[in-house]
Amino acid sequence: MSGKEIFLAINKSDNDAAISKSAIFAKLGFEKVFHVSCVHNAGISELAASVTSDFPEWKEDSLPPLKIAVVGRP
C-alpha cells in the first residue's frame, strides 16, 4: 500500500437505518470509519478533527503546502 492514512466517510448516514445498512463497509477493513451526513452536518466535525489531529501547528510560510485528496462519487 501507499503508507498513507485513510479515513472512510460514509455519507447520507442521517438516521439509524442508514447507519445499520452501512455495516457492509466494515468488511473492507478500514480502521477509521465515519458516518456523516453533509446535508445535516452530522459527523463532519468528528471527521475533520480526526483527519487533522496530527497536523503540525501552522505558521505562515513555515511549512510546505499540504496535499489532501477527497475521493468519492456522486
N, C-alpha and C. Protein backbone atom coordinates (compact mmCIF):
# COMPACT_ATOMS: atom_id res chain seq x y z
N MET A 1 0.83 -1.19 0.00
CA MET A 1 0.00 0.00 0.00
C MET A 1 0.87 1.25 0.00
N SER A 2 0.24 2.38 0.02
CA SER A 2 0.94 3.65 -0.09
C SER A 2 1.54 4.14 1.22
N GLY A 3 1.10 3.58 2.33
CA GLY A 3 1.56 4.06 3.62
C GLY A 3 0.84 5.31 4.08
N LYS A 4 -0.12 5.77 3.31
CA LYS A 4 -0.90 6.96 3.66
C LYS A 4 -2.05 6.56 4.57
N GLU A 5 -2.41 7.46 5.47
CA GLU A 5 -3.54 7.21 6.35
C GLU A 5 -4.84 7.40 5.57
N ILE A 6 -5.78 6.47 5.76
CA ILE A 6 -7.05 6.52 5.03
C ILE A 6 -8.20 6.61 6.02
N PHE A 7 -9.12 7.52 5.75
CA PHE A 7 -10.33 7.71 6.55
C PHE A 7 -11.51 7.44 5.62
N LEU A 8 -12.39 6.55 6.03
CA LEU A 8 -13.57 6.25 5.23
C LEU A 8 -14.75 7.03 5.77
N ALA A 9 -15.32 7.89 4.95
CA ALA A 9 -16.51 8.67 5.32
C ALA A 9 -17.69 8.13 4.53
N ILE A 10 -18.70 7.68 5.25
CA ILE A 10 -19.90 7.14 4.62
C ILE A 10 -20.98 8.21 4.71
N ASN A 11 -21.27 8.83 3.57
CA ASN A 11 -22.23 9.93 3.52
C ASN A 11 -23.66 9.41 3.51
N LYS A 12 -24.57 10.29 3.74
CA LYS A 12 -26.01 10.02 3.78
C LYS A 12 -26.37 9.13 4.97
N SER A 13 -25.57 9.19 6.02
CA SER A 13 -25.85 8.43 7.25
C SER A 13 -26.59 9.33 8.23
N ASP A 14 -27.82 9.69 7.85
CA ASP A 14 -28.56 10.66 8.64
C ASP A 14 -29.60 10.04 9.56
N ASN A 15 -29.67 8.70 9.61
CA ASN A 15 -30.59 8.05 10.55
C ASN A 15 -30.05 6.65 10.88
N ASP A 16 -30.65 6.03 11.88
CA ASP A 16 -30.17 4.72 12.34
C ASP A 16 -30.26 3.65 11.26
N ALA A 17 -31.30 3.70 10.44
CA ALA A 17 -31.46 2.70 9.39
C ALA A 17 -30.32 2.80 8.37
N ALA A 18 -29.97 4.02 8.00
CA ALA A 18 -28.86 4.21 7.05
C ALA A 18 -27.54 3.76 7.65
N ILE A 19 -27.34 4.04 8.92
CA ILE A 19 -26.10 3.64 9.59
C ILE A 19 -26.01 2.12 9.66
N SER A 20 -27.11 1.45 9.97
CA SER A 20 -27.06 -0.01 10.07
C SER A 20 -26.82 -0.65 8.70
N LYS A 21 -27.34 -0.04 7.64
CA LYS A 21 -27.09 -0.56 6.28
C LYS A 21 -25.63 -0.39 5.88
N SER A 22 -24.96 0.58 6.46
CA SER A 22 -23.57 0.84 6.08
C SER A 22 -22.60 -0.12 6.76
N ALA A 23 -23.13 -1.05 7.56
CA ALA A 23 -22.26 -2.04 8.21
C ALA A 23 -21.51 -2.88 7.19
N ILE A 24 -22.00 -2.94 5.99
CA ILE A 24 -21.32 -3.70 4.94
C ILE A 24 -19.90 -3.17 4.69
N PHE A 25 -19.69 -1.88 4.97
CA PHE A 25 -18.37 -1.29 4.76
C PHE A 25 -17.35 -1.82 5.77
N ALA A 26 -17.80 -2.38 6.87
CA ALA A 26 -16.88 -2.94 7.87
C ALA A 26 -16.06 -4.07 7.27
N LYS A 27 -16.61 -4.76 6.30
CA LYS A 27 -15.91 -5.85 5.65
C LYS A 27 -14.69 -5.38 4.87
N LEU A 28 -14.62 -4.10 4.57
CA LEU A 28 -13.49 -3.56 3.81
C LEU A 28 -12.23 -3.43 4.66
N GLY A 29 -12.39 -3.44 5.97
CA GLY A 29 -11.24 -3.44 6.86
C GLY A 29 -10.64 -2.09 7.19
N PHE A 30 -11.34 -1.01 6.95
CA PHE A 30 -10.83 0.30 7.31
C PHE A 30 -10.86 0.48 8.82
N GLU A 31 -9.80 1.06 9.36
CA GLU A 31 -9.74 1.32 10.80
C GLU A 31 -10.61 2.50 11.20
N LYS A 32 -10.58 3.53 10.40
CA LYS A 32 -11.27 4.78 10.74
C LYS A 32 -12.46 4.97 9.80
N VAL A 33 -13.66 4.71 10.33
CA VAL A 33 -14.89 4.84 9.55
C VAL A 33 -15.75 5.90 10.21
N PHE A 34 -16.24 6.84 9.41
CA PHE A 34 -17.06 7.94 9.92
C PHE A 34 -18.38 7.96 9.18
N HIS A 35 -19.46 7.98 9.93
CA HIS A 35 -20.80 8.11 9.35
C HIS A 35 -21.13 9.59 9.35
N VAL A 36 -21.34 10.13 8.15
CA VAL A 36 -21.59 11.56 8.02
C VAL A 36 -22.84 11.82 7.20
N SER A 37 -23.39 12.98 7.39
CA SER A 37 -24.46 13.48 6.55
C SER A 37 -24.12 14.93 6.24
N CYS A 38 -23.69 15.16 5.03
CA CYS A 38 -23.29 16.52 4.65
C CYS A 38 -24.48 17.48 4.68
N VAL A 39 -25.64 17.01 4.28
CA VAL A 39 -26.83 17.86 4.27
C VAL A 39 -27.21 18.29 5.68
N HIS A 40 -27.10 17.37 6.66
CA HIS A 40 -27.48 17.66 8.04
C HIS A 40 -26.28 18.03 8.92
N ASN A 41 -25.09 18.12 8.32
CA ASN A 41 -23.86 18.46 9.03
C ASN A 41 -23.62 17.52 10.22
N ALA A 42 -23.92 16.26 10.04
CA ALA A 42 -23.74 15.27 11.10
C ALA A 42 -22.43 14.51 10.87
N GLY A 43 -21.61 14.42 11.90
CA GLY A 43 -20.38 13.67 11.83
C GLY A 43 -19.22 14.39 11.16
N ILE A 44 -19.47 15.54 10.60
CA ILE A 44 -18.43 16.27 9.86
C ILE A 44 -17.34 16.76 10.80
N SER A 45 -17.71 17.31 11.95
CA SER A 45 -16.70 17.83 12.87
C SER A 45 -15.83 16.71 13.43
N GLU A 46 -16.41 15.54 13.68
CA GLU A 46 -15.62 14.41 14.17
C GLU A 46 -14.62 13.95 13.10
N LEU A 47 -15.08 13.89 11.86
CA LEU A 47 -14.19 13.51 10.75
C LEU A 47 -13.06 14.52 10.60
N ALA A 48 -13.38 15.80 10.60
CA ALA A 48 -12.36 16.84 10.45
C ALA A 48 -11.36 16.81 11.60
N ALA A 49 -11.85 16.60 12.83
CA ALA A 49 -10.96 16.56 13.99
C ALA A 49 -10.00 15.37 13.89
N SER A 50 -10.50 14.24 13.45
CA SER A 50 -9.65 13.06 13.33
C SER A 50 -8.62 13.22 12.21
N VAL A 51 -9.06 13.77 11.09
CA VAL A 51 -8.16 13.96 9.95
C VAL A 51 -7.03 14.93 10.29
N THR A 52 -7.34 15.94 11.06
CA THR A 52 -6.35 16.98 11.36
C THR A 52 -5.65 16.81 12.71
N SER A 53 -5.91 15.71 13.41
CA SER A 53 -5.40 15.56 14.77
C SER A 53 -3.88 15.57 14.89
N ASP A 54 -3.18 15.10 13.88
CA ASP A 54 -1.72 15.08 13.98
C ASP A 54 -1.04 16.11 13.08
N PHE A 55 -1.81 17.09 12.62
CA PHE A 55 -1.22 18.16 11.82
C PHE A 55 -0.32 19.02 12.71
N PRO A 56 0.82 19.45 12.19
CA PRO A 56 1.66 20.37 12.97
C PRO A 56 1.00 21.74 13.07
N GLU A 57 1.40 22.49 14.07
CA GLU A 57 0.86 23.85 14.21
C GLU A 57 1.25 24.64 12.98
N TRP A 58 0.28 25.32 12.40
CA TRP A 58 0.52 26.03 11.16
C TRP A 58 1.02 27.44 11.44
N LYS A 59 2.13 27.77 10.80
CA LYS A 59 2.65 29.14 10.82
C LYS A 59 2.90 29.52 9.38
N GLU A 60 2.43 30.67 9.01
CA GLU A 60 2.52 31.11 7.63
C GLU A 60 3.93 30.99 7.10
N ASP A 61 4.07 30.38 5.95
CA ASP A 61 5.35 30.21 5.24
C ASP A 61 6.34 29.30 5.96
N SER A 62 5.92 28.59 7.01
CA SER A 62 6.87 27.73 7.70
C SER A 62 6.80 26.28 7.23
N LEU A 63 5.72 25.90 6.57
CA LEU A 63 5.55 24.53 6.13
C LEU A 63 5.27 24.48 4.64
N PRO A 64 5.65 23.39 3.98
CA PRO A 64 5.30 23.25 2.56
C PRO A 64 3.78 23.07 2.42
N PRO A 65 3.24 23.29 1.24
CA PRO A 65 1.80 23.12 1.05
C PRO A 65 1.35 21.71 1.40
N LEU A 66 0.17 21.61 1.97
CA LEU A 66 -0.39 20.33 2.38
C LEU A 66 -1.20 19.75 1.22
N LYS A 67 -1.04 18.48 0.96
CA LYS A 67 -1.80 17.82 -0.11
C LYS A 67 -2.81 16.87 0.51
N ILE A 68 -4.08 17.09 0.21
CA ILE A 68 -5.16 16.25 0.71
C ILE A 68 -6.01 15.82 -0.49
N ALA A 69 -6.39 14.56 -0.54
CA ALA A 69 -7.28 14.07 -1.60
C ALA A 69 -8.60 13.64 -0.99
N VAL A 70 -9.69 14.13 -1.56
CA VAL A 70 -11.02 13.68 -1.18
C VAL A 70 -11.56 12.96 -2.40
N VAL A 71 -11.78 11.66 -2.26
CA VAL A 71 -12.16 10.84 -3.38
C VAL A 71 -13.56 10.29 -3.14
N GLY A 72 -14.38 10.35 -4.14
CA GLY A 72 -15.74 9.83 -3.99
C GLY A 72 -16.47 9.95 -5.30
N ARG A 73 -17.72 9.63 -5.25
CA ARG A 73 -18.55 9.78 -6.44
C ARG A 73 -19.94 10.22 -6.02
N PRO A 74 -20.62 10.94 -6.89
CA PRO A 74 -21.95 11.44 -6.54
C PRO A 74 -22.98 10.32 -6.46
